[in-house]
Amino acid sequence: GQLKEITVQKGDHVSEGQVIGKVADPTKYYSMEGSNLYYQVKEKQEP
């Protein structure tokens, strides 16, 4: 999350280490924390 300039599209196959985008300005939910990457992993739709 919190990306910009995404380099891939839906349906693309991506390799490990491939650049998929860049970090964007934080949303209003994280303005105090500063710019960041929102990173979430799920297994069977559960975080």
All heavy atoms as atom14 arrays in JSON, in Angstrom:
{
  "sequence": "GQLKEITVQKGDHVSEGQVIGKVADPTKYYSMEGSNLYYQVKEKQEP",
  "atom14_mask": [
    [1, 1, 1, 1, 0, 0, 0, 0, 0, 0, 0, 0, 0, 0],
    [1, 1, 1, 1, 1, 1, 1, 1, 1, 0, 0, 0, 0, 0],
    [1, 1, 1, 1, 1, 1, 1, 1, 0, 0, 0, 0, 0, 0],
    [1, 1, 1, 1, 1, 1, 1, 1, 1, 0, 0, 0, 0, 0],
    [1, 1, 1, 1, 1, 1, 1, 1, 1, 0, 0, 0, 0, 0],
    [1, 1, 1, 1, 1, 1, 1, 1, 0, 0, 0, 0, 0, 0],
    [1, 1, 1, 1, 1, 1, 1, 0, 0, 0, 0, 0, 0, 0],
    [1, 1, 1, 1, 1, 1, 1, 0, 0, 0, 0, 0, 0, 0],
    [1, 1, 1, 1, 1, 1, 1, 1, 1, 0, 0, 0, 0, 0],
    [1, 1, 1, 1, 1, 1, 1, 1, 1, 0, 0, 0, 0, 0],
    [1, 1, 1, 1, 0, 0, 0, 0, 0, 0, 0, 0, 0, 0],
    [1, 1, 1, 1, 1, 1, 1, 1, 0, 0, 0, 0, 0, 0],
    [1, 1, 1, 1, 1, 1, 1, 1, 1, 1, 0, 0, 0, 0],
    [1, 1, 1, 1, 1, 1, 1, 0, 0, 0, 0, 0, 0, 0],
    [1, 1, 1, 1, 1, 1, 0, 0, 0, 0, 0, 0, 0, 0],
    [1, 1, 1, 1, 1, 1, 1, 1, 1, 0, 0, 0, 0, 0],
    [1, 1, 1, 1, 0, 0, 0, 0, 0, 0, 0, 0, 0, 0],
    [1, 1, 1, 1, 1, 1, 1, 1, 1, 0, 0, 0, 0, 0],
    [1, 1, 1, 1, 1, 1, 1, 0, 0, 0, 0, 0, 0, 0],
    [1, 1, 1, 1, 1, 1, 1, 1, 0, 0, 0, 0, 0, 0],
    [1, 1, 1, 1, 0, 0, 0, 0, 0, 0, 0, 0, 0, 0],
    [1, 1, 1, 1, 1, 1, 1, 1, 1, 0, 0, 0, 0, 0],
    [1, 1, 1, 1, 1, 1, 1, 0, 0, 0, 0, 0, 0, 0],
    [1, 1, 1, 1, 1, 0, 0, 0, 0, 0, 0, 0, 0, 0],
    [1, 1, 1, 1, 1, 1, 1, 1, 0, 0, 0, 0, 0, 0],
    [1, 1, 1, 1, 1, 1, 1, 0, 0, 0, 0, 0, 0, 0],
    [1, 1, 1, 1, 1, 1, 1, 0, 0, 0, 0, 0, 0, 0],
    [1, 1, 1, 1, 1, 1, 1, 1, 1, 0, 0, 0, 0, 0],
    [1, 1, 1, 1, 1, 1, 1, 1, 1, 1, 1, 1, 0, 0],
    [1, 1, 1, 1, 1, 1, 1, 1, 1, 1, 1, 1, 0, 0],
    [1, 1, 1, 1, 1, 1, 0, 0, 0, 0, 0, 0, 0, 0],
    [1, 1, 1, 1, 1, 1, 1, 1, 0, 0, 0, 0, 0, 0],
    [1, 1, 1, 1, 1, 1, 1, 1, 1, 0, 0, 0, 0, 0],
    [1, 1, 1, 1, 0, 0, 0, 0, 0, 0, 0, 0, 0, 0],
    [1, 1, 1, 1, 1, 1, 0, 0, 0, 0, 0, 0, 0, 0],
    [1, 1, 1, 1, 1, 1, 1, 1, 0, 0, 0, 0, 0, 0],
    [1, 1, 1, 1, 1, 1, 1, 1, 0, 0, 0, 0, 0, 0],
    [1, 1, 1, 1, 1, 1, 1, 1, 1, 1, 1, 1, 0, 0],
    [1, 1, 1, 1, 1, 1, 1, 1, 1, 1, 1, 1, 0, 0],
    [1, 1, 1, 1, 1, 1, 1, 1, 1, 0, 0, 0, 0, 0],
    [1, 1, 1, 1, 1, 1, 1, 0, 0, 0, 0, 0, 0, 0],
    [1, 1, 1, 1, 1, 1, 1, 1, 1, 0, 0, 0, 0, 0],
    [1, 1, 1, 1, 1, 1, 1, 1, 1, 0, 0, 0, 0, 0],
    [1, 1, 1, 1, 1, 1, 1, 1, 1, 0, 0, 0, 0, 0],
    [1, 1, 1, 1, 1, 1, 1, 1, 1, 0, 0, 0, 0, 0],
    [1, 1, 1, 1, 1, 1, 1, 1, 1, 0, 0, 0, 0, 0],
    [1, 1, 1, 1, 1, 1, 1, 0, 0, 0, 0, 0, 0, 0]
  ],
  "atom14_positions": [
    [[0.81, -1.21, 0.0], [0.0, 0.0, 0.0], [0.84, 1.26, 0.0], [2.05, 1.23, 0.25], [0.0, 0.0, 0.0], [0.0, 0.0, 0.0], [0.0, 0.0, 0.0], [0.0, 0.0, 0.0], [0.0, 0.0, 0.0], [0.0, 0.0, 0.0], [0.0, 0.0, 0.0], [0.0, 0.0, 0.0], [0.0, 0.0, 0.0], [0.0, 0.0, 0.0]],
    [[0.18, 2.38, -0.32], [0.8, 3.7, -0.41], [1.88, 3.73, -1.51], [3.02, 4.13, -1.27], [1.36, 4.15, 0.95], [0.32, 4.04, 2.08], [0.46, 5.11, 3.13], [0.13, 6.28, 2.88], [0.92, 4.72, 4.31], [0.0, 0.0, 0.0], [0.0, 0.0, 0.0], [0.0, 0.0, 0.0], [0.0, 0.0, 0.0], [0.0, 0.0, 0.0]],
    [[1.44, 3.33, -2.7], [2.34, 3.28, -3.86], [2.01, 4.38, -4.86], [0.91, 4.96, -4.85], [2.22, 1.93, -4.57], [2.65, 0.66, -3.83], [2.4, -0.55, -4.72], [4.1, 0.73, -3.4], [0.0, 0.0, 0.0], [0.0, 0.0, 0.0], [0.0, 0.0, 0.0], [0.0, 0.0, 0.0], [0.0, 0.0, 0.0], [0.0, 0.0, 0.0]],
    [[2.96, 4.61, -5.73], [2.75, 5.45, -6.91], [3.64, 4.89, -8.03], [4.53, 4.06, -7.79], [3.09, 6.92, -6.63], [4.58, 7.18, -6.39], [4.84, 8.67, -6.24], [6.33, 8.95, -6.04], [6.6, 10.41, -5.95], [0.0, 0.0, 0.0], [0.0, 0.0, 0.0], [0.0, 0.0, 0.0], [0.0, 0.0, 0.0], [0.0, 0.0, 0.0]],
    [[3.37, 5.33, -9.23], [4.16, 4.91, -10.41], [4.28, 3.38, -10.46], [5.38, 2.82, -10.62], [5.56, 5.55, -10.39], [5.52, 7.06, -10.45], [6.91, 7.69, -10.44], [7.88, 7.01, -10.85], [7.03, 8.85, -10.01], [0.0, 0.0, 0.0], [0.0, 0.0, 0.0], [0.0, 0.0, 0.0], [0.0, 0.0, 0.0], [0.0, 0.0, 0.0]],
    [[3.18, 2.72, -10.35], [3.15, 1.24, -10.41], [3.56, 0.8, -11.82], [3.06, 1.33, -12.83], [1.75, 0.72, -10.04], [1.45, 1.07, -8.58], [1.67, -0.78, -10.27], [0.05, 0.72, -8.13], [0.0, 0.0, 0.0], [0.0, 0.0, 0.0], [0.0, 0.0, 0.0], [0.0, 0.0, 0.0], [0.0, 0.0, 0.0], [0.0, 0.0, 0.0]],
    [[4.46, -0.16, -11.89], [5.05, -0.58, -13.17], [4.41, -1.84, -13.76], [4.82, -2.29, -14.83], [6.56, -0.83, -13.0], [6.75, -1.86, -12.01], [7.28, 0.43, -12.56], [0.0, 0.0, 0.0], [0.0, 0.0, 0.0], [0.0, 0.0, 0.0], [0.0, 0.0, 0.0], [0.0, 0.0, 0.0], [0.0, 0.0, 0.0], [0.0, 0.0, 0.0]],
    [[3.48, -2.45, -13.05], [2.85, -3.69, -13.53], [1.34, -3.49, -13.6], [0.81, -2.51, -13.1], [3.21, -4.88, -12.61], [4.69, -5.22, -12.71], [2.81, -4.6, -11.16], [0.0, 0.0, 0.0], [0.0, 0.0, 0.0], [0.0, 0.0, 0.0], [0.0, 0.0, 0.0], [0.0, 0.0, 0.0], [0.0, 0.0, 0.0], [0.0, 0.0, 0.0]],
    [[0.69, -4.46, -14.22], [-0.75, -4.41, -14.38], [-1.38, -5.69, -13.83], [-0.7, -6.7, -13.61], [-1.13, -4.25, -15.86], [-0.64, -2.97, -16.49], [-0.99, -2.88, -17.96], [-1.48, -3.84, -18.54], [-0.79, -1.71, -18.54], [0.0, 0.0, 0.0], [0.0, 0.0, 0.0], [0.0, 0.0, 0.0], [0.0, 0.0, 0.0], [0.0, 0.0, 0.0]],
    [[-2.67, -5.65, -13.67], [-3.4, -6.82, -13.2], [-3.22, -7.97, -14.19], [-3.35, -7.8, -15.39], [-4.88, -6.49, -13.03], [-5.7, -7.63, -12.46], [-7.15, -7.22, -12.26], [-7.98, -8.36, -11.69], [-9.38, -7.96, -11.47], [0.0, 0.0, 0.0], [0.0, 0.0, 0.0], [0.0, 0.0, 0.0], [0.0, 0.0, 0.0], [0.0, 0.0, 0.0]],
    [[-2.88, -9.15, -13.64], [-2.64, -10.32, -14.49], [-1.19, -10.56, -14.84], [-0.83, -11.63, -15.34], [0.0, 0.0, 0.0], [0.0, 0.0, 0.0], [0.0, 0.0, 0.0], [0.0, 0.0, 0.0], [0.0, 0.0, 0.0], [0.0, 0.0, 0.0], [0.0, 0.0, 0.0], [0.0, 0.0, 0.0], [0.0, 0.0, 0.0], [0.0, 0.0, 0.0]],
    [[-0.32, -9.58, -14.57], [1.11, -9.74, -14.88], [1.77, -10.73, -13.93], [1.45, -10.78, -12.74], [1.84, -8.4, -14.78], [1.53, -7.48, -15.94], [0.86, -7.93, -16.89], [1.95, -6.3, -15.89], [0.0, 0.0, 0.0], [0.0, 0.0, 0.0], [0.0, 0.0, 0.0], [0.0, 0.0, 0.0], [0.0, 0.0, 0.0], [0.0, 0.0, 0.0]],
    [[2.71, -11.49, -14.5], [3.55, -12.35, -13.67], [4.76, -11.54, -13.22], [5.43, -10.91, -14.05], [4.01, -13.59, -14.43], [5.0, -14.42, -13.67], [6.34, -14.45, -13.98], [4.85, -15.22, -12.6], [6.97, -15.25, -13.13], [6.09, -15.74, -12.29], [0.0, 0.0, 0.0], [0.0, 0.0, 0.0], [0.0, 0.0, 0.0], [0.0, 0.0, 0.0]],
    [[5.03, -11.54, -11.94], [6.11, -10.74, -11.37], [7.14, -11.66, -10.72], [6.77, -12.63, -10.05], [5.56, -9.74, -10.32], [6.68, -8.9, -9.72], [4.51, -8.84, -10.96], [0.0, 0.0, 0.0], [0.0, 0.0, 0.0], [0.0, 0.0, 0.0], [0.0, 0.0, 0.0], [0.0, 0.0, 0.0], [0.0, 0.0, 0.0], [0.0, 0.0, 0.0]],
    [[8.41, -11.34, -10.93], [9.48, -12.13, -10.33], [9.95, -11.5, -9.03], [9.86, -10.27, -8.85], [10.67, -12.24, -11.3], [10.28, -12.85, -12.5], [0.0, 0.0, 0.0], [0.0, 0.0, 0.0], [0.0, 0.0, 0.0], [0.0, 0.0, 0.0], [0.0, 0.0, 0.0], [0.0, 0.0, 0.0], [0.0, 0.0, 0.0], [0.0, 0.0, 0.0]],
    [[10.46, -12.33, -8.15], [10.99, -11.82, -6.88], [12.09, -10.79, -7.14], [12.97, -11.0, -7.97], [11.55, -12.97, -6.05], [12.11, -12.53, -4.7], [12.71, -13.69, -3.91], [11.96, -14.61, -3.58], [13.93, -13.65, -3.66], [0.0, 0.0, 0.0], [0.0, 0.0, 0.0], [0.0, 0.0, 0.0], [0.0, 0.0, 0.0], [0.0, 0.0, 0.0]],
    [[12.02, -9.66, -6.43], [13.01, -8.6, -6.59], [12.69, -7.61, -7.67], [13.38, -6.6, -7.82], [0.0, 0.0, 0.0], [0.0, 0.0, 0.0], [0.0, 0.0, 0.0], [0.0, 0.0, 0.0], [0.0, 0.0, 0.0], [0.0, 0.0, 0.0], [0.0, 0.0, 0.0], [0.0, 0.0, 0.0], [0.0, 0.0, 0.0], [0.0, 0.0, 0.0]],
    [[11.65, -7.87, -8.47], [11.27, -6.96, -9.54], [10.63, -5.7, -8.95], [9.82, -5.77, -8.02], [10.28, -7.64, -10.48], [9.82, -6.78, -11.64], [8.88, -7.53, -12.56], [8.87, -8.75, -12.6], [8.08, -6.78, -13.31], [0.0, 0.0, 0.0], [0.0, 0.0, 0.0], [0.0, 0.0, 0.0], [0.0, 0.0, 0.0], [0.0, 0.0, 0.0]],
    [[10.99, -4.55, -9.48], [10.42, -3.28, -9.01], [8.97, -3.19, -9.49], [8.69, -3.33, -10.68], [11.23, -2.08, -9.52], [10.55, -0.77, -9.11], [12.65, -2.13, -8.98], [0.0, 0.0, 0.0], [0.0, 0.0, 0.0], [0.0, 0.0, 0.0], [0.0, 0.0, 0.0], [0.0, 0.0, 0.0], [0.0, 0.0, 0.0], [0.0, 0.0, 0.0]],
    [[8.07, -2.96, -8.55], [6.65, -2.9, -8.9], [6.07, -1.49, -8.76], [4.94, -1.22, -9.15], [5.83, -3.87, -8.02], [6.03, -3.56, -6.54], [6.21, -5.32, -8.33], [5.16, -4.39, -5.6], [0.0, 0.0, 0.0], [0.0, 0.0, 0.0], [0.0, 0.0, 0.0], [0.0, 0.0, 0.0], [0.0, 0.0, 0.0], [0.0, 0.0, 0.0]],
    [[6.83, -0.58, -8.18], [6.37, 0.79, -8.02], [7.27, 1.57, -7.08], [8.37, 1.11, -6.74], [0.0, 0.0, 0.0], [0.0, 0.0, 0.0], [0.0, 0.0, 0.0], [0.0, 0.0, 0.0], [0.0, 0.0, 0.0], [0.0, 0.0, 0.0], [0.0, 0.0, 0.0], [0.0, 0.0, 0.0], [0.0, 0.0, 0.0], [0.0, 0.0, 0.0]],
    [[6.79, 2.73, -6.66], [7.56, 3.58, -5.75], [6.66, 4.02, -4.58], [5.43, 3.99, -4.68], [8.11, 4.79, -6.48], [9.14, 4.43, -7.56], [9.66, 5.68, -8.26], [10.67, 5.32, -9.32], [11.19, 6.52, -10.02], [0.0, 0.0, 0.0], [0.0, 0.0, 0.0], [0.0, 0.0, 0.0], [0.0, 0.0, 0.0], [0.0, 0.0, 0.0]],
    [[7.32, 4.45, -3.5], [6.59, 4.9, -2.31], [6.0, 6.28, -2.58], [6.68, 7.19, -3.08], [7.52, 4.95, -1.08], [6.79, 5.53, 0.13], [8.06, 3.55, -0.78], [0.0, 0.0, 0.0], [0.0, 0.0, 0.0], [0.0, 0.0, 0.0], [0.0, 0.0, 0.0], [0.0, 0.0, 0.0], [0.0, 0.0, 0.0], [0.0, 0.0, 0.0]],
    [[4.71, 6.41, -2.23], [4.0, 7.68, -2.44], [3.94, 8.48, -1.13], [4.37, 8.01, -0.07], [2.6, 7.4, -2.96], [0.0, 0.0, 0.0], [0.0, 0.0, 0.0], [0.0, 0.0, 0.0], [0.0, 0.0, 0.0], [0.0, 0.0, 0.0], [0.0, 0.0, 0.0], [0.0, 0.0, 0.0], [0.0, 0.0, 0.0], [0.0, 0.0, 0.0]],
    [[3.41, 9.68, -1.23], [3.16, 10.47, 0.0], [2.15, 9.72, 0.87], [1.23, 9.06, 0.34], [2.62, 11.84, -0.36], [3.65, 12.7, -1.07], [4.83, 12.6, -0.72], [3.25, 13.45, -2.0], [0.0, 0.0, 0.0], [0.0, 0.0, 0.0], [0.0, 0.0, 0.0], [0.0, 0.0, 0.0], [0.0, 0.0, 0.0], [0.0, 0.0, 0.0]],
    [[2.27, 9.8, 2.17], [1.35, 9.07, 3.05], [-0.07, 9.63, 2.96], [-0.27, 10.82, 2.69], [1.94, 9.27, 4.44], [2.7, 10.55, 4.34], [3.25, 10.59, 2.95], [0.0, 0.0, 0.0], [0.0, 0.0, 0.0], [0.0, 0.0, 0.0], [0.0, 0.0, 0.0], [0.0, 0.0, 0.0], [0.0, 0.0, 0.0], [0.0, 0.0, 0.0]],
    [[-1.03, 8.75, 3.16], [-2.42, 9.2, 3.21], [-2.67, 9.93, 4.54], [-1.81, 9.94, 5.43], [-3.37, 8.0, 3.11], [-3.21, 7.17, 4.27], [-3.1, 7.18, 1.85], [0.0, 0.0, 0.0], [0.0, 0.0, 0.0], [0.0, 0.0, 0.0], [0.0, 0.0, 0.0], [0.0, 0.0, 0.0], [0.0, 0.0, 0.0], [0.0, 0.0, 0.0]],
    [[-3.88, 10.47, 4.69], [-4.22, 11.2, 5.91], [-4.25, 10.3, 7.15], [-4.19, 10.79, 8.28], [-5.56, 11.9, 5.75], [-6.73, 10.94, 5.51], [-8.03, 11.7, 5.3], [-9.2, 10.77, 5.06], [-10.47, 11.51, 4.84], [0.0, 0.0, 0.0], [0.0, 0.0, 0.0], [0.0, 0.0, 0.0], [0.0, 0.0, 0.0], [0.0, 0.0, 0.0]],
    [[-4.28, 8.99, 6.92], [-4.29, 8.06, 8.05], [-2.89, 7.9, 8.65], [-2.75, 7.4, 9.75], [-4.81, 6.69, 7.61], [-6.3, 6.64, 7.42], [-6.89, 7.15, 6.26], [-7.13, 6.09, 8.39], [-8.26, 7.11, 6.08], [-8.5, 6.04, 8.22], [-9.06, 6.55, 7.06], [-10.44, 6.51, 6.89], [0.0, 0.0, 0.0], [0.0, 0.0, 0.0]],
    [[-1.85, 8.3, 7.9], [-0.47, 8.11, 8.37], [0.35, 9.4, 8.23], [1.58, 9.35, 8.11], [0.21, 6.98, 7.58], [-0.46, 5.64, 7.75], [-1.41, 5.19, 6.84], [-0.14, 4.84, 8.84], [-2.02, 3.96, 7.01], [-0.75, 3.61, 9.0], [-1.69, 3.17, 8.1], [-2.31, 1.95, 8.28], [0.0, 0.0, 0.0], [0.0, 0.0, 0.0]],
    [[-0.31, 10.53, 8.29], [0.42, 11.8, 8.12], [1.42, 12.04, 9.25], [2.49, 12.6, 9.02], [-0.57, 12.96, 8.03], [-1.38, 13.03, 9.2], [0.0, 0.0, 0.0], [0.0, 0.0, 0.0], [0.0, 0.0, 0.0], [0.0, 0.0, 0.0], [0.0, 0.0, 0.0], [0.0, 0.0, 0.0], [0.0, 0.0, 0.0], [0.0, 0.0, 0.0]],
    [[1.1, 11.64, 10.46], [2.0, 11.82, 11.59], [3.15, 10.81, 11.58], [4.26, 11.12, 12.0], [1.23, 11.71, 12.91], [0.14, 12.77, 13.08], [0.81, 14.43, 13.2], [1.7, 14.35, 14.75], [0.0, 0.0, 0.0], [0.0, 0.0, 0.0], [0.0, 0.0, 0.0], [0.0, 0.0, 0.0], [0.0, 0.0, 0.0], [0.0, 0.0, 0.0]],
    [[2.89, 9.64, 11.09], [3.94, 8.59, 11.04], [4.95, 8.89, 9.92], [6.09, 8.44, 9.97], [3.31, 7.21, 10.81], [2.61, 6.64, 12.04], [1.22, 7.24, 12.24], [0.77, 8.01, 11.37], [0.58, 6.95, 13.26], [0.0, 0.0, 0.0], [0.0, 0.0, 0.0], [0.0, 0.0, 0.0], [0.0, 0.0, 0.0], [0.0, 0.0, 0.0]],
    [[4.52, 9.62, 8.92], [5.42, 9.94, 7.81], [5.27, 8.94, 6.66], [4.47, 7.99, 6.69], [0.0, 0.0, 0.0], [0.0, 0.0, 0.0], [0.0, 0.0, 0.0], [0.0, 0.0, 0.0], [0.0, 0.0, 0.0], [0.0, 0.0, 0.0], [0.0, 0.0, 0.0], [0.0, 0.0, 0.0], [0.0, 0.0, 0.0], [0.0, 0.0, 0.0]],
    [[6.05, 9.18, 5.58], [5.95, 8.31, 4.39], [6.34, 6.88, 4.77], [7.3, 6.66, 5.52], [6.84, 8.83, 3.27], [8.18, 8.89, 3.68], [0.0, 0.0, 0.0], [0.0, 0.0, 0.0], [0.0, 0.0, 0.0], [0.0, 0.0, 0.0], [0.0, 0.0, 0.0], [0.0, 0.0, 0.0], [0.0, 0.0, 0.0], [0.0, 0.0, 0.0]],
    [[5.62, 5.93, 4.21], [5.86, 4.53, 4.58], [5.25, 3.6, 3.54], [4.5, 4.01, 2.64], [5.23, 4.25, 5.96], [3.73, 4.39, 5.94], [3.0, 3.48, 5.57], [3.24, 5.59, 6.33], [0.0, 0.0, 0.0], [0.0, 0.0, 0.0], [0.0, 0.0, 0.0], [0.0, 0.0, 0.0], [0.0, 0.0, 0.0], [0.0, 0.0, 0.0]],
    [[5.58, 2.33, 3.69], [4.99, 1.28, 2.86], [4.07, 0.45, 3.74], [4.48, -0.05, 4.8], [6.08, 0.38, 2.25], [5.56, -0.83, 1.45], [4.89, -0.37, 0.15], [6.69, -1.82, 1.15], [0.0, 0.0, 0.0], [0.0, 0.0, 0.0], [0.0, 0.0, 0.0], [0.0, 0.0, 0.0], [0.0, 0.0, 0.0], [0.0, 0.0, 0.0]],
    [[2.86, 0.33, 3.28], [1.9, -0.54, 3.97], [2.11, -1.95, 3.41], [1.95, -2.18, 2.2], [0.48, -0.04, 3.71], [-0.61, -0.87, 4.34], [-1.08, -0.58, 5.62], [-1.21, -1.93, 3.64], [-2.1, -1.34, 6.19], [-2.22, -2.68, 4.2], [-2.65, -2.38, 5.48], [-3.67, -3.13, 6.05], [0.0, 0.0, 0.0], [0.0, 0.0, 0.0]],
    [[2.45, -2.92, 4.31], [2.84, -4.25, 3.84], [2.04, -5.3, 4.6], [2.19, -5.46, 5.8], [4.34, -4.44, 4.07], [4.91, -5.74, 3.51], [5.07, -5.91, 2.13], [5.31, -6.77, 4.36], [5.61, -7.08, 1.62], [5.85, -7.94, 3.85], [5.99, -8.09, 2.49], [6.52, -9.24, 1.97], [0.0, 0.0, 0.0], [0.0, 0.0, 0.0]],
    [[1.2, -6.01, 3.85], [0.31, -6.99, 4.48], [0.42, -8.36, 3.8], [0.46, -8.45, 2.57], [-1.14, -6.52, 4.42], [-2.12, -7.43, 5.14], [-3.55, -6.94, 5.02], [-4.05, -6.7, 3.91], [-4.21, -6.75, 6.16], [0.0, 0.0, 0.0], [0.0, 0.0, 0.0], [0.0, 0.0, 0.0], [0.0, 0.0, 0.0], [0.0, 0.0, 0.0]],
    [[0.45, -9.42, 4.63], [0.49, -10.8, 4.13], [-0.73, -11.53, 4.66], [-1.05, -11.43, 5.85], [1.78, -11.54, 4.57], [1.78, -12.97, 4.04], [3.02, -10.79, 4.08], [0.0, 0.0, 0.0], [0.0, 0.0, 0.0], [0.0, 0.0, 0.0], [0.0, 0.0, 0.0], [0.0, 0.0, 0.0], [0.0, 0.0, 0.0], [0.0, 0.0, 0.0]],
    [[-1.38, -12.28, 3.74], [-2.54, -13.07, 4.15], [-2.37, -14.52, 3.73], [-1.77, -14.81, 2.68], [-3.83, -12.52, 3.51], [-4.3, -11.21, 4.09], [-5.62, -10.79, 3.45], [-6.14, -9.49, 4.03], [-7.43, -9.08, 3.41], [0.0, 0.0, 0.0], [0.0, 0.0, 0.0], [0.0, 0.0, 0.0], [0.0, 0.0, 0.0], [0.0, 0.0, 0.0]],
    [[-2.92, -15.42, 4.53], [-3.0, -16.83, 4.19], [-4.47, -17.24, 4.28], [-5.1, -17.1, 5.34], [-2.16, -17.68, 5.13], [-2.2, -19.17, 4.76], [-1.39, -20.03, 5.72], [-0.95, -19.5, 6.75], [-1.21, -21.22, 5.43], [0.0, 0.0, 0.0], [0.0, 0.0, 0.0], [0.0, 0.0, 0.0], [0.0, 0.0, 0.0], [0.0, 0.0, 0.0]],
    [[-5.0, -17.71, 3.16], [-6.42, -18.05, 3.08], [-7.29, -16.87, 3.51], [-8.23, -17.02, 4.31], [-6.72, -19.29, 3.92], [-6.03, -20.55, 3.41], [-6.37, -21.74, 4.29], [-5.65, -22.99, 3.77], [-5.94, -24.19, 4.63], [0.0, 0.0, 0.0], [0.0, 0.0, 0.0], [0.0, 0.0, 0.0], [0.0, 0.0, 0.0], [0.0, 0.0, 0.0]],
    [[-6.92, -15.7, 3.02], [-7.66, -14.45, 3.25], [-7.6, -13.95, 4.69], [-8.26, -12.96, 5.03], [-9.14, -14.62, 2.84], [-9.36, -15.02, 1.39], [-8.76, -14.01, 0.41], [-8.86, -12.81, 0.61], [-8.12, -14.52, -0.64], [0.0, 0.0, 0.0], [0.0, 0.0, 0.0], [0.0, 0.0, 0.0], [0.0, 0.0, 0.0], [0.0, 0.0, 0.0]],
    [[-6.76, -14.56, 5.5], [-6.61, -14.12, 6.89], [-5.22, -13.52, 7.08], [-4.21, -14.12, 6.69], [-6.79, -15.28, 7.86], [-8.2, -15.86, 7.89], [-9.21, -14.85, 8.41], [-8.85, -14.03, 9.28], [-10.37, -14.87, 7.94], [0.0, 0.0, 0.0], [0.0, 0.0, 0.0], [0.0, 0.0, 0.0], [0.0, 0.0, 0.0], [0.0, 0.0, 0.0]],
    [[-5.13, -12.31, 7.69], [-3.81, -11.68, 7.9], [-2.91, -12.54, 8.79], [-3.37, -13.16, 9.75], [-4.17, -10.36, 8.59], [-5.59, -10.11, 8.24], [-6.23, -11.46, 8.16], [0.0, 0.0, 0.0], [0.0, 0.0, 0.0], [0.0, 0.0, 0.0], [0.0, 0.0, 0.0], [0.0, 0.0, 0.0], [0.0, 0.0, 0.0], [0.0, 0.0, 0.0]]
  ]
}
